[in-house]
Amino acid sequence: MATPSAAEFARWKKQCLSASDLSRKGSIDEPIVELVNFINGQEFLFTTSSCSGRILVFAEKHEEKKRGCDWLLISHTQADTQAVMTALCDHTGSAVFKYEPFVLHAQCRTIQDARLMHQAAVQAGFRNSGISLGTRGKVVVAIRSTHTLEAPLSDRGRMLVDEGYIRYLVTAANGKLEENERRVQRFFCNLKELLSRQTESAQPRDVQHRKEKHQEECRKQQRETKPDTCDAQDQEHCNDGVDLQDLFEGS
């Protein structure tokens, strides 16, 4: 699979990030704004969708399936039992309580970049993450987990559970949300550390490459100017007293 050029990847990134946010909320969730901005600040990465994790209650409409469902409550932070009970008042559908964990999709320029993000995610606890390869060299990493919770609350407007059970669900979901937040922070820290290591390891290779190139040019020049007398001693003086490591690291 061909890797897209830097220019083509930059064009994809610009198109994606400048498009309208079509999510129900219409903006990045507050708990992950810093993380998303950090990823989008990398030249070779950009996010295509994300959710910080949420607790929600929705009611399915059996008689109007084509119209989807009513969203009775959505919270990206800790929920409380009274808010859920209030949301369930006067609905006629079949209500469901659900907790969904953090999810993020990011397009990467190369498979190596995707592997780095995948490594950071798995080490943070998002073990259901994966990498998909699309057409035209598109590489997307999906960061996700199976850390979910879902339970029916009512059937066609008739409550199936009491307030005590709803309190139990809310407590369990809040606990999962706390763990979710810790995993997101671990992922953020892992990603920054791996990117830092990548930058540090790339710099010495670049310095060494330029050093070797300079030495080769020097030897070539010696062969052209003194083809019969160029020996090891001549090559030793090729550096003209300059520390090549300092020369290239400072450029």
C-alpha atoms as a PDB file:
ATOM      1  CA  MET A   1       0.000   0.000   0.000  1.00  0.00           C
ATOM      2  CA  ALA A   2       1.443   3.331  -1.076  1.00  0.00           C
ATOM      3  CA  THR A   3       1.984   5.967   1.592  1.00  0.00           C
ATOM      4  CA  PRO A   4       0.328   9.288   0.713  1.00  0.00           C
ATOM      5  CA  SER A   5       2.660  12.213   0.128  1.00  0.00           C
ATOM      6  CA  ALA A   6       2.986  14.875   2.800  1.00  0.00           C
ATOM      7  CA  ALA A   7       1.075  17.304   0.585  1.00  0.00           C
ATOM      8  CA  GLU A   8      -1.794  14.907  -0.027  1.00  0.00           C
ATOM      9  CA  PHE A   9      -2.074  14.016   3.655  1.00  0.00           C
ATOM     10  CA  ALA A  10      -2.081  17.717   4.555  1.00  0.00           C
ATOM     11  CA  ARG A  11      -4.948  18.246   2.101  1.00  0.00           C
ATOM     12  CA  TRP A  12      -6.989  15.414   3.653  1.00  0.00           C
ATOM     13  CA  LYS A  13      -6.326  16.839   7.099  1.00  0.00           C
ATOM     14  CA  LYS A  14      -7.390  20.344   6.131  1.00  0.00           C
ATOM     15  CA  GLN A  15     -10.598  19.082   4.519  1.00  0.00           C
ATOM     16  CA  CYS A  16     -11.526  16.990   7.553  1.00  0.00           C
ATOM     17  CA  LEU A  17     -10.768  19.560  10.234  1.00  0.00           C
ATOM     18  CA  SER A  18     -12.465  22.404   8.361  1.00  0.00           C
ATOM     19  CA  ALA A  19     -15.701  20.444   7.804  1.00  0.00           C
ATOM     20  CA  SER A  20     -18.766  20.988   9.969  1.00  0.00           C
ATOM     21  CA  ASP A  21     -19.098  18.855  13.102  1.00  0.00           C
ATOM     22  CA  LEU A  22     -22.037  16.573  12.340  1.00  0.00           C
ATOM     23  CA  SER A  23     -22.251  14.995  15.777  1.00  0.00           C
ATOM     24  CA  ARG A  24     -25.372  15.510  17.896  1.00  0.00           C
ATOM     25  CA  LYS A  25     -23.413  17.768  20.264  1.00  0.00           C
ATOM     26  CA  GLY A  26     -21.716  19.681  17.470  1.00  0.00           C
ATOM     27  CA  SER A  27     -18.371  20.143  19.244  1.00  0.00           C
ATOM     28  CA  ILE A  28     -15.491  18.278  20.906  1.00  0.00           C
ATOM     29  CA  ASP A  29     -16.341  16.969  24.384  1.00  0.00           C
ATOM     30  CA  GLU A  30     -14.751  19.196  27.029  1.00  0.00           C
ATOM     31  CA  PRO A  31     -12.868  16.374  28.865  1.00  0.00           C
ATOM     32  CA  ILE A  32     -10.802  15.541  25.749  1.00  0.00           C
ATOM     33  CA  VAL A  33     -10.355  18.952  24.093  1.00  0.00           C
ATOM     34  CA  GLU A  34      -6.662  19.085  25.072  1.00  0.00           C
ATOM     35  CA  LEU A  35      -6.038  15.544  23.812  1.00  0.00           C
ATOM     36  CA  VAL A  36      -7.782  16.142  20.473  1.00  0.00           C
ATOM     37  CA  ASN A  37      -5.956  19.441  19.941  1.00  0.00           C
ATOM     38  CA  PHE A  38      -2.639  17.730  20.717  1.00  0.00           C
ATOM     39  CA  ILE A  39      -3.277  14.999  18.135  1.00  0.00           C
ATOM     40  CA  ASN A  40      -4.400  17.501  15.505  1.00  0.00           C
ATOM     41  CA  GLY A  41      -1.262  19.516  16.217  1.00  0.00           C
ATOM     42  CA  GLN A  42       0.899  16.648  14.925  1.00  0.00           C
ATOM     43  CA  GLU A  43       1.878  16.917  11.276  1.00  0.00           C
ATOM     44  CA  PHE A  44       1.147  13.250  10.530  1.00  0.00           C
ATOM     45  CA  LEU A  45      -2.085  12.714  12.562  1.00  0.00           C
ATOM     46  CA  PHE A  46      -5.612  14.090  12.750  1.00  0.00           C
ATOM     47  CA  THR A  47      -8.848  13.017  14.432  1.00  0.00           C
ATOM     48  CA  THR A  48     -11.949  12.131  12.421  1.00  0.00           C
ATOM     49  CA  SER A  49     -14.373  11.482  15.326  1.00  0.00           C
ATOM     50  CA  SER A  50     -14.313  11.234  19.096  1.00  0.00           C
ATOM     51  CA  CYS A  51     -16.368  10.898  22.280  1.00  0.00           C
ATOM     52  CA  SER A  52     -14.963  11.340  25.788  1.00  0.00           C
ATOM     53  CA  GLY A  53     -17.344   8.740  27.229  1.00  0.00           C
ATOM     54  CA  ARG A  54     -20.940   9.295  28.318  1.00  0.00           C
ATOM     55  CA  ILE A  55     -23.931   8.201  30.344  1.00  0.00           C
ATOM     56  CA  LEU A  56     -27.227   8.360  28.515  1.00  0.00           C
ATOM     57  CA  VAL A  57     -30.877   7.384  28.646  1.00  0.00           C
ATOM     58  CA  PHE A  58     -32.829   7.053  25.425  1.00  0.00           C
ATOM     59  CA  ALA A  59     -36.309   5.800  24.525  1.00  0.00           C
ATOM     60  CA  GLU A  60     -36.960   3.737  21.416  1.00  0.00           C
ATOM     61  CA  LYS A  61     -40.183   4.410  19.540  1.00  0.00           C
ATOM     62  CA  HIS A  62     -41.596   1.099  18.350  1.00  0.00           C
ATOM     63  CA  GLU A  63     -44.247   2.694  16.188  1.00  0.00           C
ATOM     64  CA  GLU A  64     -41.789   5.140  14.612  1.00  0.00           C
ATOM     65  CA  LYS A  65     -38.637   3.105  14.118  1.00  0.00           C
ATOM     66  CA  LYS A  66     -37.535   5.121  11.113  1.00  0.00           C
ATOM     67  CA  ARG A  67     -37.293   8.228  13.270  1.00  0.00           C
ATOM     68  CA  GLY A  68     -34.802   6.659  15.650  1.00  0.00           C
ATOM     69  CA  CYS A  69     -35.205   7.404  19.346  1.00  0.00           C
ATOM     70  CA  ASP A  70     -35.705  10.161  21.897  1.00  0.00           C
ATOM     71  CA  TRP A  71     -32.608  11.158  23.834  1.00  0.00           C
ATOM     72  CA  LEU A  72     -33.836  11.679  27.378  1.00  0.00           C
ATOM     73  CA  LEU A  73     -30.480  12.307  29.096  1.00  0.00           C
ATOM     74  CA  ILE A  74     -26.863  12.672  27.955  1.00  0.00           C
ATOM     75  CA  SER A  75     -23.973  13.408  30.312  1.00  0.00           C
ATOM     76  CA  HIS A  76     -20.221  13.361  29.700  1.00  0.00           C
ATOM     77  CA  THR A  77     -19.632  13.758  33.444  1.00  0.00           C
ATOM     78  CA  GLN A  78     -20.970  12.060  36.584  1.00  0.00           C
ATOM     79  CA  ALA A  79     -24.754  11.467  36.539  1.00  0.00           C
ATOM     80  CA  ASP A  80     -27.187  11.301  39.465  1.00  0.00           C
ATOM     81  CA  THR A  81     -30.225   9.162  40.133  1.00  0.00           C
ATOM     82  CA  GLN A  82     -32.675  12.058  40.349  1.00  0.00           C
ATOM     83  CA  ALA A  83     -31.688  13.325  36.894  1.00  0.00           C
ATOM     84  CA  VAL A  84     -32.386   9.876  35.441  1.00  0.00           C
ATOM     85  CA  MET A  85     -35.740   9.611  37.204  1.00  0.00           C
ATOM     86  CA  THR A  86     -36.729  13.050  35.905  1.00  0.00           C
ATOM     87  CA  ALA A  87     -35.716  12.107  32.379  1.00  0.00           C
ATOM     88  CA  LEU A  88     -37.972   9.044  32.512  1.00  0.00           C
ATOM     89  CA  CYS A  89     -41.101  11.055  33.342  1.00  0.00           C
ATOM     90  CA  ASP A  90     -43.847  11.133  30.703  1.00  0.00           C
ATOM     91  CA  HIS A  91     -42.017   9.104  28.040  1.00  0.00           C
ATOM     92  CA  THR A  92     -43.960   6.537  26.029  1.00  0.00           C
ATOM     93  CA  GLY A  93     -41.162   4.537  24.428  1.00  0.00           C
ATOM     94  CA  SER A  94     -38.918   1.762  25.732  1.00  0.00           C
ATOM     95  CA  ALA A  95     -36.175   3.446  27.759  1.00  0.00           C
ATOM     96  CA  VAL A  96     -32.628   2.147  27.993  1.00  0.00           C
ATOM     97  CA  PHE A  97     -29.835   3.205  30.362  1.00  0.00           C
ATOM     98  CA  LYS A  98     -26.386   3.067  28.789  1.00  0.00           C
ATOM     99  CA  TYR A  99     -22.786   3.922  29.538  1.00  0.00           C
ATOM    100  CA  GLU A 100     -20.388   4.243  26.589  1.00  0.00           C
ATOM    101  CA  PRO A 101     -16.602   4.596  27.030  1.00  0.00           C
ATOM    102  CA  PHE A 102     -14.122   6.870  25.280  1.00  0.00           C
ATOM    103  CA  VAL A 103     -13.732   6.331  21.551  1.00  0.00           C
ATOM    104  CA  LEU A 104     -11.514   8.119  19.070  1.00  0.00           C
ATOM    105  CA  HIS A 105     -10.701   7.629  15.396  1.00  0.00           C
ATOM    106  CA  ALA A 106      -7.563   9.194  13.958  1.00  0.00           C
ATOM    107  CA  GLN A 107      -6.157   9.111  10.448  1.00  0.00           C
ATOM    108  CA  CYS A 108      -2.404   8.561  10.251  1.00  0.00           C
ATOM    109  CA  ARG A 109      -0.023   9.189   7.395  1.00  0.00           C
ATOM    110  CA  THR A 110       1.802   5.865   7.765  1.00  0.00           C
ATOM    111  CA  ILE A 111       1.207   2.474   9.318  1.00  0.00           C
ATOM    112  CA  GLN A 112       4.122   3.196  11.671  1.00  0.00           C
ATOM    113  CA  ASP A 113       2.306   6.269  13.007  1.00  0.00           C
ATOM    114  CA  ALA A 114      -0.844   4.195  13.520  1.00  0.00           C
ATOM    115  CA  ARG A 115       1.110   1.493  15.363  1.00  0.00           C
ATOM    116  CA  LEU A 116       2.488   4.126  17.718  1.00  0.00           C
ATOM    117  CA  MET A 117      -1.013   5.376  18.565  1.00  0.00           C
ATOM    118  CA  HIS A 118      -2.276   1.813  18.895  1.00  0.00           C
ATOM    119  CA  GLN A 119       0.553   0.968  21.296  1.00  0.00           C
ATOM    120  CA  ALA A 120      -0.239   4.003  23.454  1.00  0.00           C
ATOM    121  CA  ALA A 121      -3.928   3.034  23.547  1.00  0.00           C
ATOM    122  CA  VAL A 122      -3.458  -0.654  24.394  1.00  0.00           C
ATOM    123  CA  GLN A 123      -0.985   0.170  27.159  1.00  0.00           C
ATOM    124  CA  ALA A 124      -3.580   2.562  28.622  1.00  0.00           C
ATOM    125  CA  GLY A 125      -6.265  -0.143  28.763  1.00  0.00           C
ATOM    126  CA  PHE A 126      -8.094   0.377  25.449  1.00  0.00           C
ATOM    127  CA  ARG A 127      -7.496  -3.201  24.386  1.00  0.00           C
ATOM    128  CA  ASN A 128     -10.214  -3.306  21.740  1.00  0.00           C
ATOM    129  CA  SER A 129      -8.354  -0.761  19.607  1.00  0.00           C
ATOM    130  CA  GLY A 130      -7.396  -1.563  16.034  1.00  0.00           C
ATOM    131  CA  ILE A 131      -5.996  -0.302  12.729  1.00  0.00           C
ATOM    132  CA  SER A 132      -7.858  -0.272   9.412  1.00  0.00           C
ATOM    133  CA  LEU A 133      -6.364   0.205   5.951  1.00  0.00           C
ATOM    134  CA  GLY A 134      -8.529   1.958   3.397  1.00  0.00           C
ATOM    135  CA  THR A 135      -8.286   2.990  -0.213  1.00  0.00           C
ATOM    136  CA  ARG A 136      -5.733   5.498  -1.513  1.00  0.00           C
ATOM    137  CA  GLY A 137      -3.381   4.694   1.341  1.00  0.00           C
ATOM    138  CA  LYS A 138      -5.650   5.876   4.145  1.00  0.00           C
ATOM    139  CA  VAL A 139      -4.700   4.455   7.551  1.00  0.00           C
ATOM    140  CA  VAL A 140      -7.092   4.892  10.482  1.00  0.00           C
ATOM    141  CA  VAL A 141      -6.586   3.838  14.093  1.00  0.00           C
ATOM    142  CA  ALA A 142      -9.680   3.274  16.261  1.00  0.00           C
ATOM    143  CA  ILE A 143      -9.169   3.630  20.015  1.00  0.00           C
ATOM    144  CA  ARG A 144     -11.908   1.906  22.000  1.00  0.00           C
ATOM    145  CA  SER A 145     -12.729  -0.610  24.702  1.00  0.00           C
ATOM    146  CA  THR A 146     -15.515  -2.967  25.761  1.00  0.00           C
ATOM    147  CA  HIS A 147     -15.900  -1.167  29.095  1.00  0.00           C
ATOM    148  CA  THR A 148     -19.665  -0.646  28.570  1.00  0.00           C
ATOM    149  CA  LEU A 149     -22.935  -0.954  30.475  1.00  0.00           C
ATOM    150  CA  GLU A 150     -26.491  -1.220  29.131  1.00  0.00           C
ATOM    151  CA  ALA A 151     -29.814  -2.083  30.786  1.00  0.00           C
ATOM    152  CA  PRO A 152     -33.519  -1.696  29.840  1.00  0.00           C
ATOM    153  CA  LEU A 153     -35.569   0.525  32.133  1.00  0.00           C
ATOM    154  CA  SER A 154     -39.064   0.444  30.657  1.00  0.00           C
ATOM    155  CA  ASP A 155     -41.212  -1.197  27.971  1.00  0.00           C
ATOM    156  CA  ARG A 156     -43.554   1.078  26.006  1.00  0.00           C
ATOM    157  CA  GLY A 157     -43.729   3.512  28.878  1.00  0.00           C
ATOM    158  CA  ARG A 158     -44.129   0.882  31.624  1.00  0.00           C
ATOM    159  CA  MET A 159     -41.288   0.897  34.165  1.00  0.00           C
ATOM    160  CA  LEU A 160     -39.501  -2.444  34.554  1.00  0.00           C
ATOM    161  CA  VAL A 161     -37.263  -1.478  37.488  1.00  0.00           C
ATOM    162  CA  ASP A 162     -37.535   0.570  40.668  1.00  0.00           C
ATOM    163  CA  GLU A 163     -35.548   3.593  41.807  1.00  0.00           C
ATOM    164  CA  GLY A 164     -33.168   1.426  43.838  1.00  0.00           C
ATOM    165  CA  TYR A 165     -32.031  -0.414  40.728  1.00  0.00           C
ATOM    166  CA  ILE A 166     -31.607   2.844  38.814  1.00  0.00           C
ATOM    167  CA  ARG A 167     -29.445   4.131  41.678  1.00  0.00           C
ATOM    168  CA  TYR A 168     -27.327   0.993  41.344  1.00  0.00           C
ATOM    169  CA  LEU A 169     -26.923   1.544  37.585  1.00  0.00           C
ATOM    170  CA  VAL A 170     -25.955   5.193  38.060  1.00  0.00           C
ATOM    171  CA  THR A 171     -23.347   4.285  40.688  1.00  0.00           C
ATOM    172  CA  ALA A 172     -21.873   1.570  38.464  1.00  0.00           C
ATOM    173  CA  ALA A 173     -21.789   3.870  35.425  1.00  0.00           C
ATOM    174  CA  ASN A 174     -20.127   6.667  37.404  1.00  0.00           C
ATOM    175  CA  GLY A 175     -17.443   4.220  38.514  1.00  0.00           C
ATOM    176  CA  LYS A 176     -16.826   3.178  34.929  1.00  0.00           C
ATOM    177  CA  LEU A 177     -16.646   6.822  33.875  1.00  0.00           C
ATOM    178  CA  GLU A 178     -13.967   7.487  36.503  1.00  0.00           C
ATOM    179  CA  GLU A 179     -11.911   4.545  35.242  1.00  0.00           C
ATOM    180  CA  ASN A 180     -12.491   5.768  31.689  1.00  0.00           C
ATOM    181  CA  GLU A 181     -11.030   9.175  32.589  1.00  0.00           C
ATOM    182  CA  ARG A 182      -7.945   7.531  34.084  1.00  0.00           C
ATOM    183  CA  ARG A 183      -7.432   5.488  30.911  1.00  0.00           C
ATOM    184  CA  VAL A 184      -7.775   8.578  28.717  1.00  0.00           C
ATOM    185  CA  GLN A 185      -5.113  10.362  30.772  1.00  0.00           C
ATOM    186  CA  ARG A 186      -2.824   7.321  30.564  1.00  0.00           C
ATOM    187  CA  PHE A 187      -3.308   7.226  26.806  1.00  0.00           C
ATOM    188  CA  PHE A 188      -2.495  10.938  26.540  1.00  0.00           C
ATOM    189  CA  CYS A 189       0.679  10.501  28.619  1.00  0.00           C
ATOM    190  CA  ASN A 190       1.715   7.374  26.687  1.00  0.00           C
ATOM    191  CA  LEU A 191       1.190   9.103  23.349  1.00  0.00           C
ATOM    192  CA  LYS A 192       3.279  12.129  24.316  1.00  0.00           C
ATOM    193  CA  GLU A 193       6.065   9.901  25.638  1.00  0.00           C
ATOM    194  CA  LEU A 194       6.170   7.689  22.539  1.00  0.00           C
ATOM    195  CA  LEU A 195       6.156  10.692  20.218  1.00  0.00           C
ATOM    196  CA  SER A 196       8.985  12.234  22.231  1.00  0.00           C
ATOM    197  CA  ARG A 197      11.026   9.034  21.979  1.00  0.00           C
ATOM    198  CA  GLN A 198      10.370   8.890  18.248  1.00  0.00           C
ATOM    199  CA  THR A 199      11.671  12.427  17.821  1.00  0.00           C
ATOM    200  CA  GLU A 200      14.764  11.765  19.943  1.00  0.00           C
ATOM    201  CA  SER A 201      15.638   8.548  18.079  1.00  0.00           C
ATOM    202  CA  ALA A 202      15.129  10.177  14.684  1.00  0.00           C
ATOM    203  CA  GLN A 203      17.516  13.066  15.383  1.00  0.00           C
ATOM    204  CA  PRO A 204      20.712  11.000  15.896  1.00  0.00           C
ATOM    205  CA  ARG A 205      19.952   9.012  12.732  1.00  0.00           C
ATOM    206  CA  ASP A 206      19.583  12.260  10.803  1.00  0.00           C
ATOM    207  CA  VAL A 207      22.832  13.644  12.240  1.00  0.00           C
ATOM    208  CA  GLN A 208      24.692  10.418  11.408  1.00  0.00           C
ATOM    209  CA  HIS A 209      23.297  10.426   7.861  1.00  0.00           C
ATOM    210  CA  ARG A 210      24.494  13.972   7.233  1.00  0.00           C
ATOM    211  CA  LYS A 211      27.870  13.209   8.802  1.00  0.00           C
ATOM    212  CA  GLU A 212      28.390  10.189   6.549  1.00  0.00           C
ATOM    213  CA  LYS A 213      27.292  12.193   3.522  1.00  0.00           C
ATOM    214  CA  HIS A 214      29.807  14.924   4.336  1.00  0.00           C
ATOM    215  CA  GLN A 215      32.600  12.400   4.772  1.00  0.00           C
ATOM    216  CA  GLU A 216      31.774  10.757   1.458  1.00  0.00           C
ATOM    217  CA  GLU A 217      31.828  14.120  -0.323  1.00  0.00           C
ATOM    218  CA  CYS A 218      35.147  14.872   1.299  1.00  0.00           C
ATOM    219  CA  ARG A 219      36.657  11.580   0.148  1.00  0.00           C
ATOM    220  CA  LYS A 220      35.299  12.149  -3.356  1.00  0.00           C
ATOM    221  CA  GLN A 221      36.871  15.584  -3.484  1.00  0.00           C
ATOM    222  CA  GLN A 222      40.206  14.156  -2.377  1.00  0.00           C
ATOM    223  CA  ARG A 223      40.092  11.495  -5.082  1.00  0.00           C
ATOM    224  CA  GLU A 224      39.396  14.119  -7.719  1.00  0.00           C
ATOM    225  CA  THR A 225      42.160  16.483  -6.587  1.00  0.00           C
ATOM    226  CA  LYS A 226      44.842  13.950  -5.505  1.00  0.00           C
ATOM    227  CA  PRO A 227      43.927  10.582  -7.061  1.00  0.00           C
ATOM    228  CA  ASP A 228      47.413   9.087  -6.661  1.00  0.00           C
ATOM    229  CA  THR A 229      48.296  10.219  -3.163  1.00  0.00           C
ATOM    230  CA  CYS A 230      45.033  10.054  -1.222  1.00  0.00           C
ATOM    231  CA  ASP A 231      45.551   7.746   1.725  1.00  0.00           C
ATOM    232  CA  ALA A 232      44.222   7.222   5.222  1.00  0.00           C
ATOM    233  CA  GLN A 233      46.230  10.168   6.526  1.00  0.00           C
ATOM    234  CA  ASP A 234      44.695  12.503   3.916  1.00  0.00           C
ATOM    235  CA  GLN A 235      41.218  11.330   4.803  1.00  0.00           C
ATOM    236  CA  GLU A 236      41.942  11.928   8.466  1.00  0.00           C
ATOM    237  CA  HIS A 237      42.598  15.608   7.695  1.00  0.00           C
ATOM    238  CA  CYS A 238      39.410  15.854   5.689  1.00  0.00           C
ATOM    239  CA  ASN A 239      37.499  17.257   8.655  1.00  0.00           C
ATOM    240  CA  ASP A 240      39.848  20.306   8.774  1.00  0.00           C
ATOM    241  CA  GLY A 241      39.778  20.284  12.559  1.00  0.00           C
ATOM    242  CA  VAL A 242      35.948  20.498  12.726  1.00  0.00           C
ATOM    243  CA  ASP A 243      33.949  18.210  15.036  1.00  0.00           C
ATOM    244  CA  LEU A 244      31.392  16.800  12.607  1.00  0.00           C
ATOM    245  CA  GLN A 245      28.967  15.863  15.396  1.00  0.00           C
ATOM    246  CA  ASP A 246      28.875  19.497  16.581  1.00  0.00           C
ATOM    247  CA  LEU A 247      28.659  20.749  13.011  1.00  0.00           C
ATOM    248  CA  PHE A 248      25.570  18.744  12.063  1.00  0.00           C
ATOM    249  CA  GLU A 249      23.764  18.869  15.394  1.00  0.00           C
ATOM    250  CA  GLY A 250      23.929  22.641  15.263  1.00  0.00           C
ATOM    251  CA  SER A 251      22.553  22.916  11.722  1.00  0.00           C
END
